[in-house]
Amino acid sequence: MSKINFTYKDKELAVDIIYRKRKNISLKVIPKEKIQIIAPNRVSIDTLKKVVENNSAWILSKLDKFKDMDDSFTKRDYVDGEIYYYMGKPYILKIIKDRNLENKNNKDYNYIDIKDNNIEIRTNNWEKEYLNQSLKKWYKLKSEEIVMDRIDFLKNKSDDFRKIQPNLVKVKEQKKIWGSCNISQTIYINSKIAMLPVEAVDYIIVHEFCHILHMNHSKDFYASIEKIIPNYKKIVAWLKENNYKFVL
């Protein structure tokens, strides 16, 4: 991967260059000190350097916001005390080691539930990978329930939303995006969406549904979103600020 190295206010910074099939150049600051510039294919390094230099102050302000960030969201050990979100609220992971079930029928077992301020996992296997997979499955099931419920809610709330008819809506694991819509009018929603507050869930669903009308990010596309969710810009800003918390 190519990089741009530059100095700003005596601070040495490196920016990863990612080329994609797209029209615009964008900058991304990832907790804690990772910077990316995403650009259309064949844009020159000199052009990208100018974009980085012109936005240096913004990059540093983002890095400053992340410097005191809790590292537990970037490194998961699946142990008691870690914080995981559900419907926008933080919960403490609590692992209940059910030794009575060890080796029973030679099957691993887990039961996950929310109790008070905890996400409890009762299990006879507390290995890291098993707990990771167990939480992924639990969040996927919850996300499927929530997405279907919110689609029904949005249909009842908005005539504009009700008129949009995708061929299929499916919840699946997606590493870097909250949703997608392809030319077959199939919508995919991230299986971690149950972590988000309901307003953000609604925005992501509406965002992907509006791609049925506009397979781009044009003014007309965002106007379609605004008809259904007038304050969507506030939700987008909140997601950018808090996105690092919603990891498994």
Protein backbone atom coordinates (compact mmCIF):
# COMPACT_ATOMS: atom_id res chain seq x y z
CA MET A 1 0.00 0.00 0.00
CA SER A 2 1.33 3.44 -0.95
CA LYS A 3 1.73 6.15 1.69
CA ILE A 4 2.00 9.91 1.95
CA ASN A 5 4.36 11.14 4.68
CA PHE A 6 4.13 14.74 5.83
CA THR A 7 4.94 17.00 8.78
CA TYR A 8 2.41 19.32 10.36
CA LYS A 9 3.22 21.43 13.43
CA ASP A 10 6.31 19.29 14.15
CA LYS A 11 4.26 16.10 14.02
CA GLU A 12 5.24 13.36 11.54
CA LEU A 13 2.20 11.72 9.98
CA ALA A 14 1.72 8.89 7.49
CA VAL A 15 -1.39 8.52 5.34
CA ASP A 16 -2.34 5.25 3.62
CA ILE A 17 -3.48 5.67 0.01
CA ILE A 18 -6.40 3.49 -1.10
CA TYR A 19 -7.40 3.57 -4.77
CA ARG A 20 -10.94 2.60 -5.72
CA LYS A 21 -13.38 2.91 -8.58
CA ARG A 22 -15.05 6.15 -7.44
CA LYS A 23 -15.41 9.83 -8.36
CA ASN A 24 -14.42 11.70 -5.21
CA ILE A 25 -11.46 11.89 -2.84
CA SER A 26 -12.15 11.38 0.87
CA LEU A 27 -10.09 11.40 4.05
CA LYS A 28 -10.66 9.04 6.95
CA VAL A 29 -9.13 9.08 10.45
CA ILE A 30 -9.40 5.76 12.28
CA PRO A 31 -8.74 5.37 16.01
CA LYS A 32 -6.17 5.87 17.18
CA GLU A 33 -3.52 7.05 14.69
CA LYS A 34 -4.46 5.58 11.32
CA ILE A 35 -5.16 7.97 8.46
CA GLN A 36 -6.45 6.98 5.03
CA ILE A 37 -7.05 8.88 1.82
CA ILE A 38 -9.43 7.10 -0.54
CA ALA A 39 -9.15 8.23 -4.13
CA PRO A 40 -10.28 7.41 -7.67
CA ASN A 41 -7.89 5.27 -9.70
CA ARG A 42 -5.02 7.14 -11.38
CA VAL A 43 -5.22 10.32 -9.27
CA SER A 44 -1.63 11.58 -8.91
CA ILE A 45 0.33 11.48 -5.66
CA ASP A 46 0.92 15.25 -5.92
CA THR A 47 -2.84 15.87 -6.01
CA LEU A 48 -3.35 13.64 -2.96
CA LYS A 49 -0.55 15.39 -1.08
CA LYS A 50 -2.27 18.74 -1.64
CA VAL A 51 -5.56 17.34 -0.31
CA VAL A 52 -3.80 16.05 2.81
CA GLU A 53 -1.91 19.30 3.37
CA ASN A 54 -5.09 21.38 2.95
CA ASN A 55 -6.84 19.22 5.56
CA SER A 56 -3.95 18.85 8.02
CA ALA A 57 -5.62 20.84 10.77
CA TRP A 58 -8.77 18.71 10.49
CA ILE A 59 -6.70 15.50 10.61
CA LEU A 60 -4.92 16.61 13.80
CA SER A 61 -8.19 17.63 15.44
CA LYS A 62 -9.56 14.12 14.78
CA LEU A 63 -6.40 12.49 16.14
CA ASP A 64 -6.68 14.64 19.28
CA LYS A 65 -10.25 13.40 19.83
CA PHE A 66 -9.13 9.80 19.65
CA LYS A 67 -5.95 10.03 21.76
CA ASP A 68 -7.76 9.39 25.06
CA MET A 69 -10.07 6.77 23.60
CA ASP A 70 -10.63 3.57 25.55
CA ASP A 71 -8.44 0.88 23.91
CA SER A 72 -10.86 -1.87 24.92
CA PHE A 73 -12.95 -1.12 21.83
CA THR A 74 -10.03 -1.89 19.50
CA LYS A 75 -8.86 -5.06 21.27
CA ARG A 76 -11.38 -7.65 22.44
CA ASP A 77 -10.47 -10.44 24.86
CA TYR A 78 -14.03 -11.60 25.68
CA VAL A 79 -13.56 -11.43 29.43
CA ASP A 80 -15.67 -10.10 32.29
CA GLY A 81 -15.95 -6.33 32.36
CA GLU A 82 -15.67 -5.52 28.65
CA ILE A 83 -18.29 -3.12 27.30
CA TYR A 84 -20.63 -4.16 24.47
CA TYR A 85 -23.51 -2.07 23.14
CA TYR A 86 -27.10 -3.11 22.56
CA MET A 87 -29.66 -0.68 21.13
CA GLY A 88 -27.27 2.18 21.83
CA LYS A 89 -26.74 1.39 25.52
CA PRO A 90 -23.50 0.06 27.03
CA TYR A 91 -23.61 -3.29 28.81
CA ILE A 92 -20.94 -5.12 30.81
CA LEU A 93 -19.96 -8.57 29.61
CA LYS A 94 -20.42 -11.22 32.29
CA ILE A 95 -19.29 -14.80 31.62
CA ILE A 96 -20.89 -17.46 33.78
CA LYS A 97 -18.76 -20.59 33.62
CA ASP A 98 -21.22 -23.44 33.79
CA ARG A 99 -18.91 -26.28 34.84
CA ASN A 100 -21.81 -28.69 35.29
CA LEU A 101 -22.10 -28.80 31.52
CA GLU A 102 -18.45 -29.56 30.78
CA ASN A 103 -18.15 -32.42 28.29
CA LYS A 104 -21.87 -33.20 28.56
CA ASN A 105 -22.65 -34.96 25.25
CA ASN A 106 -19.33 -33.53 24.06
CA LYS A 107 -21.17 -30.39 22.91
CA ASP A 108 -20.33 -26.76 23.54
CA TYR A 109 -23.15 -24.75 25.05
CA ASN A 110 -23.97 -21.10 25.53
CA TYR A 111 -26.99 -19.05 26.49
CA ILE A 112 -26.86 -15.27 26.13
CA ASP A 113 -29.25 -12.84 27.76
CA ILE A 114 -29.41 -9.26 29.00
CA LYS A 115 -29.88 -8.91 32.74
CA ASP A 116 -29.80 -5.50 34.38
CA ASN A 117 -26.63 -3.80 33.06
CA ASN A 118 -24.99 -7.01 31.88
CA ILE A 119 -24.83 -9.13 28.78
CA GLU A 120 -24.54 -12.56 30.40
CA ILE A 121 -23.08 -15.59 28.65
CA ARG A 122 -23.69 -18.88 30.42
CA THR A 123 -21.39 -21.41 28.80
CA ASN A 124 -19.26 -24.51 29.22
CA ASN A 125 -16.66 -23.18 26.76
CA TRP A 126 -14.97 -19.86 27.55
CA GLU A 127 -12.29 -19.92 24.89
CA LYS A 128 -11.88 -16.57 23.13
CA GLU A 129 -12.82 -17.73 19.62
CA TYR A 130 -15.91 -19.60 20.84
CA LEU A 131 -17.15 -16.57 22.78
CA ASN A 132 -16.52 -14.36 19.74
CA GLN A 133 -18.58 -16.62 17.48
CA SER A 134 -21.32 -16.97 20.10
CA LEU A 135 -21.70 -13.20 20.41
CA LYS A 136 -21.72 -12.80 16.62
CA LYS A 137 -24.59 -15.30 16.31
CA TRP A 138 -26.53 -13.65 19.14
CA TYR A 139 -26.17 -10.17 17.66
CA LYS A 140 -27.18 -11.45 14.23
CA LEU A 141 -30.41 -12.96 15.61
CA LYS A 142 -31.20 -9.76 17.50
CA SER A 143 -30.38 -7.65 14.45
CA GLU A 144 -32.75 -9.68 12.27
CA GLU A 145 -35.58 -9.10 14.75
CA ILE A 146 -34.83 -5.39 15.07
CA VAL A 147 -34.48 -4.74 11.33
CA MET A 148 -37.80 -6.40 10.50
CA ASP A 149 -39.51 -4.55 13.34
CA ARG A 150 -38.10 -1.17 12.25
CA ILE A 151 -39.04 -1.75 8.60
CA ASP A 152 -42.65 -2.30 9.73
CA PHE A 153 -42.43 0.83 11.88
CA LEU A 154 -41.09 2.93 9.00
CA LYS A 155 -43.77 1.65 6.63
CA ASN A 156 -46.46 2.74 9.08
CA LYS A 157 -44.79 6.09 9.64
CA SER A 158 -43.93 7.15 6.09
CA ASP A 159 -45.79 6.91 2.80
CA ASP A 160 -42.53 7.63 0.98
CA PHE A 161 -40.82 4.68 2.65
CA ARG A 162 -43.78 2.36 2.09
CA LYS A 163 -43.60 2.93 -1.68
CA ILE A 164 -40.04 1.57 -1.88
CA GLN A 165 -40.00 -2.18 -2.53
CA PRO A 166 -36.65 -4.00 -2.49
CA ASN A 167 -36.51 -7.59 -3.73
CA LEU A 168 -34.91 -8.84 -0.52
CA VAL A 169 -33.65 -7.54 2.81
CA LYS A 170 -31.03 -9.69 4.49
CA VAL A 171 -28.93 -9.33 7.64
CA LYS A 172 -25.37 -10.57 7.27
CA GLU A 173 -21.87 -10.01 8.62
CA GLN A 174 -20.16 -7.00 7.02
CA LYS A 175 -16.82 -5.82 8.36
CA LYS A 176 -16.67 -2.17 7.34
CA ILE A 177 -20.12 -0.97 6.29
CA TRP A 178 -23.52 -0.80 7.98
CA GLY A 179 -25.47 -1.61 4.84
CA SER A 180 -25.41 -2.06 1.09
CA CYS A 181 -27.78 -2.28 -1.87
CA ASN A 182 -26.94 -3.95 -5.18
CA ILE A 183 -28.35 -3.60 -8.69
CA SER A 184 -30.62 -6.59 -8.04
CA GLN A 185 -32.34 -4.41 -5.41
CA THR A 186 -31.19 -6.69 -2.61
CA ILE A 187 -30.42 -4.88 0.63
CA TYR A 188 -27.87 -6.19 3.12
CA ILE A 189 -27.79 -4.87 6.69
CA ASN A 190 -24.84 -5.38 9.04
CA SER A 191 -25.40 -8.15 11.59
CA LYS A 192 -24.07 -5.86 14.36
CA ILE A 193 -26.78 -3.24 13.81
CA ALA A 194 -28.44 -4.32 17.08
CA MET A 195 -25.62 -2.44 18.81
CA LEU A 196 -26.88 0.92 17.54
CA PRO A 197 -29.59 3.19 18.95
CA VAL A 198 -32.92 2.92 17.16
CA GLU A 199 -32.51 6.29 15.40
CA ALA A 200 -29.29 5.08 13.76
CA VAL A 201 -30.89 1.74 12.83
CA ASP A 202 -33.73 3.61 11.11
CA TYR A 203 -31.29 5.86 9.25
CA ILE A 204 -29.24 2.93 7.91
CA ILE A 205 -32.37 1.09 6.75
CA VAL A 206 -33.74 4.22 5.05
CA HIS A 207 -30.34 4.96 3.49
CA GLU A 208 -30.25 1.55 1.81
CA PHE A 209 -33.92 1.63 0.80
CA CYS A 210 -33.37 4.99 -0.91
CA HIS A 211 -30.66 3.38 -3.03
CA ILE A 212 -33.50 1.50 -4.72
CA LEU A 213 -34.53 4.91 -6.08
CA HIS A 214 -31.04 6.33 -6.62
CA MET A 215 -28.02 4.03 -6.99
CA ASN A 216 -25.66 6.88 -6.09
CA HIS A 217 -25.10 9.56 -3.44
CA SER A 218 -26.58 12.45 -5.38
CA LYS A 219 -28.60 15.40 -4.06
CA ASP A 220 -31.77 13.57 -5.07
CA PHE A 221 -30.67 10.54 -3.05
CA TYR A 222 -30.16 12.56 0.12
CA ALA A 223 -33.38 14.48 -0.51
CA SER A 224 -35.19 11.11 -0.49
CA ILE A 225 -33.64 10.27 2.88
CA GLU A 226 -34.53 13.68 4.30
CA LYS A 227 -38.21 13.22 3.44
CA ILE A 228 -38.30 10.20 5.74
CA ILE A 229 -35.69 11.21 8.34
CA PRO A 230 -35.44 15.03 8.46
CA ASN A 231 -32.58 15.02 11.02
CA TYR A 232 -30.48 12.40 9.22
CA LYS A 233 -27.38 14.68 9.12
CA LYS A 234 -27.26 14.74 12.90
CA ILE A 235 -27.43 10.93 13.00
CA VAL A 236 -24.65 10.62 10.40
CA ALA A 237 -22.41 12.94 12.46
CA TRP A 238 -23.13 10.90 15.60
CA LEU A 239 -22.26 7.64 13.81
CA LYS A 240 -18.94 9.03 12.60
CA GLU A 241 -18.09 10.14 16.11
CA ASN A 242 -19.07 6.90 17.86
CA ASN A 243 -18.54 4.22 15.21
CA TYR A 244 -15.39 2.86 16.89
CA LYS A 245 -17.41 1.58 19.87
CA PHE A 246 -19.49 -0.92 17.94
CA VAL A 247 -17.09 -3.81 17.47
CA LEU A 248 -17.03 -7.52 18.17
